[in-house]
C-alpha atoms as a PDB file:
ATOM      1  CA  MET A   1      85.959  -3.115  68.696  1.00  0.00           C
ATOM      2  CA  SER A   2      88.559  -4.826  70.753  1.00  0.00           C
ATOM      3  CA  LEU A   3      91.888  -3.151  72.070  1.00  0.00           C
ATOM      4  CA  GLU A   4      93.733  -5.102  69.411  1.00  0.00           C
ATOM      5  CA  GLU A   5      91.617  -3.965  66.692  1.00  0.00           C
ATOM      6  CA  LYS A   6      91.818  -0.420  67.768  1.00  0.00           C
ATOM      7  CA  LEU A   7      95.737  -0.666  67.822  1.00  0.00           C
ATOM      8  CA  VAL A   8      95.827  -2.042  64.214  1.00  0.00           C
ATOM      9  CA  VAL A   9      93.549   0.802  63.088  1.00  0.00           C
ATOM     10  CA  ARG A  10      95.728   3.486  64.976  1.00  0.00           C
ATOM     11  CA  ARG A  11      99.008   1.944  63.672  1.00  0.00           C
ATOM     12  CA  THR A  12      97.855   1.864  60.041  1.00  0.00           C
ATOM     13  CA  GLU A  13      96.604   5.443  60.196  1.00  0.00           C
ATOM     14  CA  SER A  14      99.853   6.433  61.826  1.00  0.00           C
ATOM     15  CA  ARG A  15     101.965   4.722  59.116  1.00  0.00           C
ATOM     16  CA  ARG A  16      99.821   6.127  56.362  1.00  0.00           C
ATOM     17  CA  LYS A  17     100.643   9.706  57.441  1.00  0.00           C
ATOM     18  CA  ALA A  18     104.328   9.115  58.423  1.00  0.00           C
ATOM     19  CA  SER A  19     107.131   9.643  56.128  1.00  0.00           C
ATOM     20  CA  ARG A  20     109.260   6.736  54.815  1.00  0.00           C
ATOM     21  CA  GLU A  21     112.289   8.152  57.003  1.00  0.00           C
ATOM     22  CA  ARG A  22     110.091   8.161  60.253  1.00  0.00           C
ATOM     23  CA  ILE A  23     108.536   4.642  59.494  1.00  0.00           C
ATOM     24  CA  GLU A  24     112.177   3.383  58.823  1.00  0.00           C
ATOM     25  CA  ALA A  25     113.380   4.934  62.156  1.00  0.00           C
ATOM     26  CA  LEU A  26     110.532   3.580  64.024  1.00  0.00           C
ATOM     27  CA  ASP A  27     110.753   0.076  62.555  1.00  0.00           C
ATOM     28  CA  ASN A  28     114.514   0.020  63.440  1.00  0.00           C
ATOM     29  CA  LEU A  29     113.722   1.066  66.948  1.00  0.00           C
ATOM     30  CA  THR A  30     111.306  -1.741  67.381  1.00  0.00           C
ATOM     31  CA  LYS A  31     113.428  -4.191  66.046  1.00  0.00           C
ATOM     32  CA  PHE A  32     116.276  -3.173  68.591  1.00  0.00           C
ATOM     33  CA  LEU A  33     114.114  -3.146  71.345  1.00  0.00           C
ATOM     34  CA  ARG A  34     112.584  -6.567  70.448  1.00  0.00           C
ATOM     35  CA  GLU A  35     116.235  -8.077  70.134  1.00  0.00           C
ATOM     36  CA  ASN A  36     118.162  -6.088  72.781  1.00  0.00           C
ATOM     37  CA  VAL A  37     115.887  -4.631  75.552  1.00  0.00           C
ATOM     38  CA  ILE A  38     112.509  -6.877  75.874  1.00  0.00           C
ATOM     39  CA  PRO A  39     114.679 -10.107  76.484  1.00  0.00           C
ATOM     40  CA  ASN A  40     116.525  -8.639  79.396  1.00  0.00           C
ATOM     41  CA  ILE A  41     113.337  -7.206  81.041  1.00  0.00           C
ATOM     42  CA  ILE A  42     113.059  -8.824  84.806  1.00  0.00           C
ATOM     43  CA  LYS A  43     109.930 -10.903  84.865  1.00  0.00           C
ATOM     44  CA  PRO A  44     107.447 -10.944  87.740  1.00  0.00           C
ATOM     45  CA  ASN A  45     108.700 -12.699  90.837  1.00  0.00           C
ATOM     46  CA  GLU A  46     112.240 -12.930  89.368  1.00  0.00           C
ATOM     47  CA  PRO A  47     114.844 -11.581  91.782  1.00  0.00           C
ATOM     48  CA  LEU A  48     116.306  -8.392  91.076  1.00  0.00           C
ATOM     49  CA  PRO A  49     120.171  -8.218  90.371  1.00  0.00           C
ATOM     50  CA  ALA A  50     122.356  -6.368  93.226  1.00  0.00           C
ATOM     51  CA  PHE A  51     122.405  -2.622  92.836  1.00  0.00           C
ATOM     52  CA  ALA A  52     123.710   0.336  94.411  1.00  0.00           C
ATOM     53  CA  LEU A  53     121.979   3.976  94.286  1.00  0.00           C
ATOM     54  CA  ALA A  54     122.462   7.290  95.877  1.00  0.00           C
ATOM     55  CA  ASN A  55     119.888   8.292  98.347  1.00  0.00           C
ATOM     56  CA  GLU A  56     118.623  11.794  98.913  1.00  0.00           C
ATOM     57  CA  ASP A  57     121.786  12.866 100.762  1.00  0.00           C
ATOM     58  CA  GLY A  58     123.983  11.517  97.894  1.00  0.00           C
ATOM     59  CA  ALA A  59     125.202   8.492 100.045  1.00  0.00           C
ATOM     60  CA  THR A  60     125.396   5.161  98.178  1.00  0.00           C
ATOM     61  CA  MET A  61     123.044   2.613  99.389  1.00  0.00           C
ATOM     62  CA  THR A  62     123.415  -1.129  98.078  1.00  0.00           C
ATOM     63  CA  SER A  63     120.386  -3.633  97.801  1.00  0.00           C
ATOM     64  CA  GLU A  64     122.559  -5.808 100.045  1.00  0.00           C
ATOM     65  CA  ASP A  65     122.677  -3.034 102.747  1.00  0.00           C
ATOM     66  CA  LEU A  66     118.902  -2.551 102.464  1.00  0.00           C
ATOM     67  CA  ILE A  67     117.989  -6.261 102.522  1.00  0.00           C
ATOM     68  CA  ALA A  68     120.091  -6.731 105.551  1.00  0.00           C
ATOM     69  CA  LYS A  69     117.555  -4.231 107.460  1.00  0.00           C
ATOM     70  CA  GLY A  70     114.507  -6.283 106.420  1.00  0.00           C
ATOM     71  CA  PRO A  71     112.173  -6.751 103.506  1.00  0.00           C
ATOM     72  CA  LEU A  72     112.944  -4.290 100.634  1.00  0.00           C
ATOM     73  CA  VAL A  73     110.206  -2.971  98.436  1.00  0.00           C
ATOM     74  CA  LEU A  74     111.005  -0.883  95.212  1.00  0.00           C
ATOM     75  CA  GLN A  75     108.645   1.538  93.567  1.00  0.00           C
ATOM     76  CA  PHE A  76     109.532   2.874  90.125  1.00  0.00           C
ATOM     77  CA  PHE A  77     108.112   6.054  89.028  1.00  0.00           C
ATOM     78  CA  ARG A  78     108.088   6.927  85.275  1.00  0.00           C
ATOM     79  CA  GLY A  79     107.540  10.547  84.134  1.00  0.00           C
ATOM     80  CA  HIS A  80     109.126  13.951  83.658  1.00  0.00           C
ATOM     81  CA  TRP A  81     110.061  15.694  86.867  1.00  0.00           C
END
């Protein structure tokens, strides 16, 4: 079974078990993400917008300051800390 087929089975089972309110909430969230978030995601090889973030000491660092020192590599960590 392909990944797509497995996802269809899982989605169908989940919807069958979920309440109408939960299905409606998830459908609304999916619609919101498709309309408002996904179109704004940065694509591979697309330049990032300028940004400013606090470093470990609380001082603000800008992307412009960092790039002035040389190539800039960003790594994103997703998870609960």
